[in-house]
Every structure is written in C-alpha cells, then in structure tokens.
Amino acid sequence: MAFPKIEDARKLSDDELSDEIIAAKRQLFTLRLQQATRQLEKTHEFKHLKHRISQLLTVEREREIAAQREAAPSIAQTAPATEEE
C-alpha cells in the first residue's frame, strides 16, 4: 500500500480538512487499542496513518500561515509610521 499523496489533502476545503484530521486521529486511537489487545494484524497501518495525519496538519498550518501573511500587509498599511530622532 502506497503512502497517501499530499495533493489529495491540499484539494480539501478547510472544513473537510479538519474533519479528516479528527477522523484520522480517531482511527489511530482505534489502532492503538487493537494493538494493546493484540487484535492488530497490519502493523504498517500505524506508519501510513501517522504519515497522513502529518500531511493534514502540514496543510492546515500552511493555510494558517497564508492567512496571517494576507492579514499582515493590511495591518502594516493602516498603522501610522513613526520616526524617532
């Protein structure tokens, strides 16, 4: 099974992205529970799921940074410039 592509995460809307993050974290919890009760057969799913969560969190953070950069120039333009002598 191949790792999920980050392009798939970038195509999601903000709401879908947060829903995916929550679902992936719940699935990781379920995998940990299965491992603790020795019911887990496919241990590679941990690696794939952690990779997916990190991709989703990265995309979420990229969007936060982009939003801050868009807001920052407007704040700088409205603030009066002061010069000290």
PDB file of N, CA and C in Angstrom:
ATOM      1  N   MET A   1       0.846  -1.175   0.000  1.00  0.00           N
ATOM      2  CA  MET A   1       0.000   0.000   0.000  1.00  0.00           C
ATOM      3  C   MET A   1       0.892   1.238   0.000  1.00  0.00           C
ATOM      4  N   ALA A   2       0.601   2.150  -0.901  1.00  0.00           N
ATOM      5  CA  ALA A   2       1.410   3.363  -1.034  1.00  0.00           C
ATOM      6  C   ALA A   2       0.939   4.428  -0.044  1.00  0.00           C
ATOM      7  N   PHE A   3       1.875   5.320   0.264  1.00  0.00           N
ATOM      8  CA  PHE A   3       1.523   6.433   1.136  1.00  0.00           C
ATOM      9  C   PHE A   3       0.535   7.348   0.436  1.00  0.00           C
ATOM     10  N   PRO A   4      -0.356   8.009   1.190  1.00  0.00           N
ATOM     11  CA  PRO A   4      -1.265   8.976   0.584  1.00  0.00           C
ATOM     12  C   PRO A   4      -0.491  10.189   0.081  1.00  0.00           C
ATOM     13  N   LYS A   5      -1.003  10.826  -0.938  1.00  0.00           N
ATOM     14  CA  LYS A   5      -0.343  11.981  -1.540  1.00  0.00           C
ATOM     15  C   LYS A   5      -0.822  13.261  -0.864  1.00  0.00           C
ATOM     16  N   ILE A   6       0.074  14.212  -0.695  1.00  0.00           N
ATOM     17  CA  ILE A   6      -0.275  15.476  -0.048  1.00  0.00           C
ATOM     18  C   ILE A   6      -1.179  16.318  -0.942  1.00  0.00           C
ATOM     19  N   GLU A   7      -1.131  16.087  -2.260  1.00  0.00           N
ATOM     20  CA  GLU A   7      -2.011  16.824  -3.167  1.00  0.00           C
ATOM     21  C   GLU A   7      -3.479  16.550  -2.847  1.00  0.00           C
ATOM     22  N   ASP A   8      -3.756  15.319  -2.392  1.00  0.00           N
ATOM     23  CA  ASP A   8      -5.130  14.982  -2.010  1.00  0.00           C
ATOM     24  C   ASP A   8      -5.572  15.820  -0.810  1.00  0.00           C
ATOM     25  N   ALA A   9      -4.687  16.050   0.120  1.00  0.00           N
ATOM     26  CA  ALA A   9      -5.014  16.854   1.295  1.00  0.00           C
ATOM     27  C   ALA A   9      -5.184  18.321   0.914  1.00  0.00           C
ATOM     28  N   ARG A  10      -4.391  18.791  -0.040  1.00  0.00           N
ATOM     29  CA  ARG A  10      -4.488  20.196  -0.447  1.00  0.00           C
ATOM     30  C   ARG A  10      -5.779  20.495  -1.200  1.00  0.00           C
ATOM     31  N   LYS A  11      -6.410  19.493  -1.766  1.00  0.00           N
ATOM     32  CA  LYS A  11      -7.660  19.679  -2.502  1.00  0.00           C
ATOM     33  C   LYS A  11      -8.862  19.843  -1.574  1.00  0.00           C
ATOM     34  N   LEU A  12      -8.703  19.462  -0.307  1.00  0.00           N
ATOM     35  CA  LEU A  12      -9.811  19.518   0.638  1.00  0.00           C
ATOM     36  C   LEU A  12     -10.097  20.952   1.079  1.00  0.00           C
ATOM     37  N   SER A  13     -11.355  21.207   1.395  1.00  0.00           N
ATOM     38  CA  SER A  13     -11.710  22.512   1.953  1.00  0.00           C
ATOM     39  C   SER A  13     -11.295  22.533   3.420  1.00  0.00           C
ATOM     40  N   ASP A  14     -11.389  23.687   4.044  1.00  0.00           N
ATOM     41  CA  ASP A  14     -10.976  23.812   5.444  1.00  0.00           C
ATOM     42  C   ASP A  14     -11.802  22.909   6.362  1.00  0.00           C
ATOM     43  N   ASP A  15     -13.118  22.861   6.127  1.00  0.00           N
ATOM     44  CA  ASP A  15     -13.979  22.017   6.959  1.00  0.00           C
ATOM     45  C   ASP A  15     -13.671  20.538   6.749  1.00  0.00           C
ATOM     46  N   GLU A  16     -13.495  20.153   5.489  1.00  0.00           N
ATOM     47  CA  GLU A  16     -13.172  18.758   5.196  1.00  0.00           C
ATOM     48  C   GLU A  16     -11.818  18.381   5.797  1.00  0.00           C
ATOM     49  N   LEU A  17     -10.890  19.324   5.768  1.00  0.00           N
ATOM     50  CA  LEU A  17      -9.560  19.082   6.309  1.00  0.00           C
ATOM     51  C   LEU A  17      -9.624  18.817   7.810  1.00  0.00           C
ATOM     52  N   SER A  18     -10.354  19.642   8.535  1.00  0.00           N
ATOM     53  CA  SER A  18     -10.465  19.433   9.985  1.00  0.00           C
ATOM     54  C   SER A  18     -11.211  18.133  10.297  1.00  0.00           C
ATOM     55  N   ASP A  19     -12.215  17.793   9.487  1.00  0.00           N
ATOM     56  CA  ASP A  19     -12.923  16.529   9.681  1.00  0.00           C
ATOM     57  C   ASP A  19     -12.001  15.335   9.439  1.00  0.00           C
ATOM     58  N   GLU A  20     -11.161  15.432   8.418  1.00  0.00           N
ATOM     59  CA  GLU A  20     -10.206  14.363   8.111  1.00  0.00           C
ATOM     60  C   GLU A  20      -9.206  14.188   9.250  1.00  0.00           C
ATOM     61  N   ILE A  21      -8.745  15.297   9.816  1.00  0.00           N
ATOM     62  CA  ILE A  21      -7.784  15.220  10.925  1.00  0.00           C
ATOM     63  C   ILE A  21      -8.417  14.497  12.115  1.00  0.00           C
ATOM     64  N   ILE A  22      -9.629  14.859  12.444  1.00  0.00           N
ATOM     65  CA  ILE A  22     -10.325  14.229  13.570  1.00  0.00           C
ATOM     66  C   ILE A  22     -10.543  12.745  13.303  1.00  0.00           C
ATOM     67  N   ALA A  23     -10.963  12.415  12.090  1.00  0.00           N
ATOM     68  CA  ALA A  23     -11.201  11.012  11.743  1.00  0.00           C
ATOM     69  C   ALA A  23      -9.911  10.199  11.800  1.00  0.00           C
ATOM     70  N   ALA A  24      -8.825  10.765  11.318  1.00  0.00           N
ATOM     71  CA  ALA A  24      -7.546  10.056  11.320  1.00  0.00           C
ATOM     72  C   ALA A  24      -7.049   9.840  12.747  1.00  0.00           C
ATOM     73  N   LYS A  25      -7.228  10.832  13.602  1.00  0.00           N
ATOM     74  CA  LYS A  25      -6.797  10.676  14.996  1.00  0.00           C
ATOM     75  C   LYS A  25      -7.637   9.631  15.720  1.00  0.00           C
ATOM     76  N   ARG A  26      -8.925   9.570  15.400  1.00  0.00           N
ATOM     77  CA  ARG A  26      -9.777   8.532  15.994  1.00  0.00           C
ATOM     78  C   ARG A  26      -9.345   7.146  15.513  1.00  0.00           C
ATOM     79  N   GLN A  27      -9.012   7.058  14.238  1.00  0.00           N
ATOM     80  CA  GLN A  27      -8.566   5.790  13.681  1.00  0.00           C
ATOM     81  C   GLN A  27      -7.245   5.360  14.325  1.00  0.00           C
ATOM     82  N   LEU A  28      -6.357   6.296  14.578  1.00  0.00           N
ATOM     83  CA  LEU A  28      -5.093   5.988  15.245  1.00  0.00           C
ATOM     84  C   LEU A  28      -5.356   5.467  16.662  1.00  0.00           C
ATOM     85  N   PHE A  29      -6.302   6.083  17.350  1.00  0.00           N
ATOM     86  CA  PHE A  29      -6.679   5.604  18.677  1.00  0.00           C
ATOM     87  C   PHE A  29      -7.176   4.169  18.608  1.00  0.00           C
ATOM     88  N   THR A  30      -7.999   3.878  17.608  1.00  0.00           N
ATOM     89  CA  THR A  30      -8.530   2.525  17.430  1.00  0.00           C
ATOM     90  C   THR A  30      -7.404   1.527  17.159  1.00  0.00           C
ATOM     91  N   LEU A  31      -6.440   1.930  16.337  1.00  0.00           N
ATOM     92  CA  LEU A  31      -5.304   1.049  16.066  1.00  0.00           C
ATOM     93  C   LEU A  31      -4.505   0.774  17.336  1.00  0.00           C
ATOM     94  N   ARG A  32      -4.304   1.794  18.148  1.00  0.00           N
ATOM     95  CA  ARG A  32      -3.575   1.609  19.401  1.00  0.00           C
ATOM     96  C   ARG A  32      -4.332   0.662  20.345  1.00  0.00           C
ATOM     97  N   LEU A  33      -5.637   0.798  20.358  1.00  0.00           N
ATOM     98  CA  LEU A  33      -6.457  -0.077  21.187  1.00  0.00           C
ATOM     99  C   LEU A  33      -6.349  -1.518  20.691  1.00  0.00           C
ATOM    100  N   GLN A  34      -6.399  -1.709  19.375  1.00  0.00           N
ATOM    101  CA  GLN A  34      -6.272  -3.050  18.804  1.00  0.00           C
ATOM    102  C   GLN A  34      -4.894  -3.644  19.102  1.00  0.00           C
ATOM    103  N   GLN A  35      -3.873  -2.801  19.056  1.00  0.00           N
ATOM    104  CA  GLN A  35      -2.528  -3.283  19.343  1.00  0.00           C
ATOM    105  C   GLN A  35      -2.411  -3.711  20.809  1.00  0.00           C
ATOM    106  N   ALA A  36      -3.014  -2.940  21.691  1.00  0.00           N
ATOM    107  CA  ALA A  36      -2.938  -3.247  23.122  1.00  0.00           C
ATOM    108  C   ALA A  36      -3.667  -4.548  23.449  1.00  0.00           C
ATOM    109  N   THR A  37      -4.719  -4.846  22.714  1.00  0.00           N
ATOM    110  CA  THR A  37      -5.482  -6.072  22.955  1.00  0.00           C
ATOM    111  C   THR A  37      -5.044  -7.206  22.030  1.00  0.00           C
ATOM    112  N   ARG A  38      -3.952  -6.983  21.331  1.00  0.00           N
ATOM    113  CA  ARG A  38      -3.350  -7.973  20.425  1.00  0.00           C
ATOM    114  C   ARG A  38      -4.299  -8.426  19.323  1.00  0.00           C
ATOM    115  N   GLN A  39      -5.108  -7.517  18.815  1.00  0.00           N
ATOM    116  CA  GLN A  39      -6.013  -7.816  17.717  1.00  0.00           C
ATOM    117  C   GLN A  39      -5.512  -7.238  16.397  1.00  0.00           C
ATOM    118  N   LEU A  40      -4.466  -6.428  16.450  1.00  0.00           N
ATOM    119  CA  LEU A  40      -3.954  -5.758  15.257  1.00  0.00           C
ATOM    120  C   LEU A  40      -3.106  -6.724  14.439  1.00  0.00           C
ATOM    121  N   GLU A  41      -3.443  -6.845  13.159  1.00  0.00           N
ATOM    122  CA  GLU A  41      -2.699  -7.727  12.272  1.00  0.00           C
ATOM    123  C   GLU A  41      -1.794  -6.953  11.314  1.00  0.00           C
ATOM    124  N   LYS A  42      -2.241  -5.784  10.901  1.00  0.00           N
ATOM    125  CA  LYS A  42      -1.489  -4.992   9.921  1.00  0.00           C
ATOM    126  C   LYS A  42      -0.809  -3.820  10.621  1.00  0.00           C
ATOM    127  N   THR A  43       0.384  -4.069  11.114  1.00  0.00           N
ATOM    128  CA  THR A  43       1.076  -3.044  11.887  1.00  0.00           C
ATOM    129  C   THR A  43       1.559  -1.888  11.021  1.00  0.00           C
ATOM    130  N   HIS A  44       1.667  -2.078   9.715  1.00  0.00           N
ATOM    131  CA  HIS A  44       2.112  -0.998   8.839  1.00  0.00           C
ATOM    132  C   HIS A  44       1.094   0.138   8.766  1.00  0.00           C
ATOM    133  N   GLU A  45      -0.130  -0.112   9.193  1.00  0.00           N
ATOM    134  CA  GLU A  45      -1.160   0.923   9.165  1.00  0.00           C
ATOM    135  C   GLU A  45      -0.800   2.094  10.080  1.00  0.00           C
ATOM    136  N   PHE A  46      -0.052   1.836  11.148  1.00  0.00           N
ATOM    137  CA  PHE A  46       0.407   2.920  12.022  1.00  0.00           C
ATOM    138  C   PHE A  46       1.214   3.932  11.230  1.00  0.00           C
ATOM    139  N   LYS A  47       2.182   3.431  10.494  1.00  0.00           N
ATOM    140  CA  LYS A  47       3.079   4.301   9.733  1.00  0.00           C
ATOM    141  C   LYS A  47       2.304   5.104   8.700  1.00  0.00           C
ATOM    142  N   HIS A  48       1.397   4.467   7.987  1.00  0.00           N
ATOM    143  CA  HIS A  48       0.620   5.158   6.961  1.00  0.00           C
ATOM    144  C   HIS A  48      -0.307   6.203   7.574  1.00  0.00           C
ATOM    145  N   LEU A  49      -0.918   5.863   8.690  1.00  0.00           N
ATOM    146  CA  LEU A  49      -1.853   6.788   9.322  1.00  0.00           C
ATOM    147  C   LEU A  49      -1.134   7.981   9.933  1.00  0.00           C
ATOM    148  N   LYS A  50       0.008   7.744  10.564  1.00  0.00           N
ATOM    149  CA  LYS A  50       0.783   8.857  11.108  1.00  0.00           C
ATOM    150  C   LYS A  50       1.266   9.775   9.988  1.00  0.00           C
ATOM    151  N   HIS A  51       1.636   9.191   8.867  1.00  0.00           N
ATOM    152  CA  HIS A  51       2.059   9.972   7.707  1.00  0.00           C
ATOM    153  C   HIS A  51       0.897  10.842   7.208  1.00  0.00           C
ATOM    154  N   ARG A  52      -0.283  10.268   7.142  1.00  0.00           N
ATOM    155  CA  ARG A  52      -1.471  11.000   6.690  1.00  0.00           C
ATOM    156  C   ARG A  52      -1.809  12.146   7.647  1.00  0.00           C
ATOM    157  N   ILE A  53      -1.739  11.885   8.941  1.00  0.00           N
ATOM    158  CA  ILE A  53      -2.030  12.929   9.930  1.00  0.00           C
ATOM    159  C   ILE A  53      -1.032  14.072   9.792  1.00  0.00           C
ATOM    160  N   SER A  54       0.229  13.750   9.618  1.00  0.00           N
ATOM    161  CA  SER A  54       1.237  14.802   9.479  1.00  0.00           C
ATOM    162  C   SER A  54       1.006  15.616   8.212  1.00  0.00           C
ATOM    163  N   GLN A  55       0.577  14.976   7.133  1.00  0.00           N
ATOM    164  CA  GLN A  55       0.258  15.710   5.913  1.00  0.00           C
ATOM    165  C   GLN A  55      -0.900  16.670   6.144  1.00  0.00           C
ATOM    166  N   LEU A  56      -1.946  16.178   6.783  1.00  0.00           N
ATOM    167  CA  LEU A  56      -3.124  17.011   7.023  1.00  0.00           C
ATOM    168  C   LEU A  56      -2.781  18.194   7.925  1.00  0.00           C
ATOM    169  N   LEU A  57      -2.000  17.951   8.975  1.00  0.00           N
ATOM    170  CA  LEU A  57      -1.619  19.034   9.868  1.00  0.00           C
ATOM    171  C   LEU A  57      -0.707  20.041   9.168  1.00  0.00           C
ATOM    172  N   THR A  58       0.135  19.561   8.259  1.00  0.00           N
ATOM    173  CA  THR A  58       1.009  20.450   7.498  1.00  0.00           C
ATOM    174  C   THR A  58       0.193  21.365   6.600  1.00  0.00           C
ATOM    175  N   VAL A  59      -0.787  20.816   5.920  1.00  0.00           N
ATOM    176  CA  VAL A  59      -1.632  21.623   5.042  1.00  0.00           C
ATOM    177  C   VAL A  59      -2.414  22.640   5.858  1.00  0.00           C
ATOM    178  N   GLU A  60      -2.914  22.216   7.015  1.00  0.00           N
ATOM    179  CA  GLU A  60      -3.647  23.137   7.882  1.00  0.00           C
ATOM    180  C   GLU A  60      -2.752  24.295   8.322  1.00  0.00           C
ATOM    181  N   ARG A  61      -1.533  23.994   8.697  1.00  0.00           N
ATOM    182  CA  ARG A  61      -0.590  25.036   9.130  1.00  0.00           C
ATOM    183  C   ARG A  61      -0.206  25.949   7.967  1.00  0.00           C
ATOM    184  N   GLU A  62      -0.026  25.394   6.776  1.00  0.00           N
ATOM    185  CA  GLU A  62       0.276  26.211   5.601  1.00  0.00           C
ATOM    186  C   GLU A  62      -0.825  27.234   5.357  1.00  0.00           C
ATOM    187  N   ARG A  63      -2.056  26.796   5.528  1.00  0.00           N
ATOM    188  CA  ARG A  63      -3.194  27.704   5.326  1.00  0.00           C
ATOM    189  C   ARG A  63      -3.243  28.781   6.405  1.00  0.00           C
ATOM    190  N   GLU A  64      -2.902  28.429   7.643  1.00  0.00           N
ATOM    191  CA  GLU A  64      -2.858  29.418   8.716  1.00  0.00           C
ATOM    192  C   GLU A  64      -1.803  30.478   8.423  1.00  0.00           C
ATOM    193  N   ILE A  65      -0.635  30.047   7.985  1.00  0.00           N
ATOM    194  CA  ILE A  65       0.443  30.979   7.676  1.00  0.00           C
ATOM    195  C   ILE A  65       0.056  31.876   6.513  1.00  0.00           C
ATOM    196  N   ALA A  66      -0.587  31.314   5.489  1.00  0.00           N
ATOM    197  CA  ALA A  66      -1.019  32.107   4.338  1.00  0.00           C
ATOM    198  C   ALA A  66      -2.045  33.160   4.761  1.00  0.00           C
ATOM    199  N   ALA A  67      -2.945  32.788   5.666  1.00  0.00           N
ATOM    200  CA  ALA A  67      -3.950  33.733   6.150  1.00  0.00           C
ATOM    201  C   ALA A  67      -3.296  34.860   6.948  1.00  0.00           C
ATOM    202  N   GLN A  68      -2.278  34.524   7.734  1.00  0.00           N
ATOM    203  CA  GLN A  68      -1.568  35.546   8.505  1.00  0.00           C
ATOM    204  C   GLN A  68      -0.819  36.493   7.582  1.00  0.00           C
ATOM    205  N   ARG A  69      -0.239  35.973   6.533  1.00  0.00           N
ATOM    206  CA  ARG A  69       0.501  36.816   5.591  1.00  0.00           C
ATOM    207  C   ARG A  69      -0.429  37.757   4.837  1.00  0.00           C
ATOM    208  N   GLU A  70      -1.632  37.289   4.551  1.00  0.00           N
ATOM    209  CA  GLU A  70      -2.606  38.150   3.882  1.00  0.00           C
ATOM    210  C   GLU A  70      -3.073  39.266   4.811  1.00  0.00           C
ATOM    211  N   ALA A  71      -3.194  38.952   6.088  1.00  0.00           N
ATOM    212  CA  ALA A  71      -3.665  39.943   7.056  1.00  0.00           C
ATOM    213  C   ALA A  71      -2.555  40.916   7.453  1.00  0.00           C
ATOM    214  N   ALA A  72      -1.333  40.492   7.450  1.00  0.00           N
ATOM    215  CA  ALA A  72      -0.211  41.319   7.908  1.00  0.00           C
ATOM    216  C   ALA A  72       0.003  42.574   7.061  1.00  0.00           C
ATOM    217  N   PRO A  73      -0.009  42.513   5.739  1.00  0.00           N
ATOM    218  CA  PRO A  73       0.191  43.739   4.963  1.00  0.00           C
ATOM    219  C   PRO A  73      -0.910  44.777   5.197  1.00  0.00           C
ATOM    220  N   SER A  74      -2.130  44.333   5.398  1.00  0.00           N
ATOM    221  CA  SER A  74      -3.208  45.290   5.625  1.00  0.00           C
ATOM    222  C   SER A  74      -3.021  46.001   6.969  1.00  0.00           C
ATOM    223  N   ILE A  75      -2.495  45.314   7.953  1.00  0.00           N
ATOM    224  CA  ILE A  75      -2.234  45.933   9.248  1.00  0.00           C
ATOM    225  C   ILE A  75      -1.090  46.935   9.118  1.00  0.00           C
ATOM    226  N   ALA A  76      -0.055  46.591   8.388  1.00  0.00           N
ATOM    227  CA  ALA A  76       1.100  47.469   8.209  1.00  0.00           C
ATOM    228  C   ALA A  76       0.718  48.733   7.450  1.00  0.00           C
ATOM    229  N   GLN A  77      -0.200  48.644   6.530  1.00  0.00           N
ATOM    230  CA  GLN A  77      -0.612  49.805   5.750  1.00  0.00           C
ATOM    231  C   GLN A  77      -1.455  50.760   6.572  1.00  0.00           C
ATOM    232  N   THR A  78      -2.226  50.272   7.504  1.00  0.00           N
ATOM    233  CA  THR A  78      -3.097  51.131   8.298  1.00  0.00           C
ATOM    234  C   THR A  78      -2.384  51.745   9.496  1.00  0.00           C
ATOM    235  N   ALA A  79      -1.295  51.168   9.933  1.00  0.00           N
ATOM    236  CA  ALA A  79      -0.570  51.686  11.090  1.00  0.00           C
ATOM    237  C   ALA A  79       0.252  52.905  10.679  1.00  0.00           C
ATOM    238  N   PRO A  80       0.191  53.983  11.480  1.00  0.00           N
ATOM    239  CA  PRO A  80       0.978  55.159  11.142  1.00  0.00           C
ATOM    240  C   PRO A  80       2.474  54.908  11.374  1.00  0.00           C
ATOM    241  N   ALA A  81       3.257  55.453  10.491  1.00  0.00           N
ATOM    242  CA  ALA A  81       4.699  55.297  10.616  1.00  0.00           C
ATOM    243  C   ALA A  81       5.234  56.357  11.564  1.00  0.00           C
ATOM    244  N   THR A  82       6.019  55.927  12.526  1.00  0.00           N
ATOM    245  CA  THR A  82       6.620  56.887  13.486  1.00  0.00           C
ATOM    246  C   THR A  82       8.112  56.789  13.364  1.00  0.00           C
ATOM    247  N   GLU A  83       8.731  57.982  13.380  1.00  0.00           N
ATOM    248  CA  GLU A  83      10.185  58.019  13.293  1.00  0.00           C
ATOM    249  C   GLU A  83      10.708  58.698  14.546  1.00  0.00           C
ATOM    250  N   GLU A  84      11.722  58.098  15.141  1.00  0.00           N
ATOM    251  CA  GLU A  84      12.338  58.692  16.314  1.00  0.00           C
ATOM    252  C   GLU A  84      13.598  59.413  15.901  1.00  0.00           C
ATOM    253  N   GLU A  85      13.842  60.567  16.513  1.00  0.00           N
ATOM    254  CA  GLU A  85      15.035  61.357  16.170  1.00  0.00           C
ATOM    255  C   GLU A  85      16.061  61.278  17.235  1.00  0.00           C
TER     256      GLU A  85
END
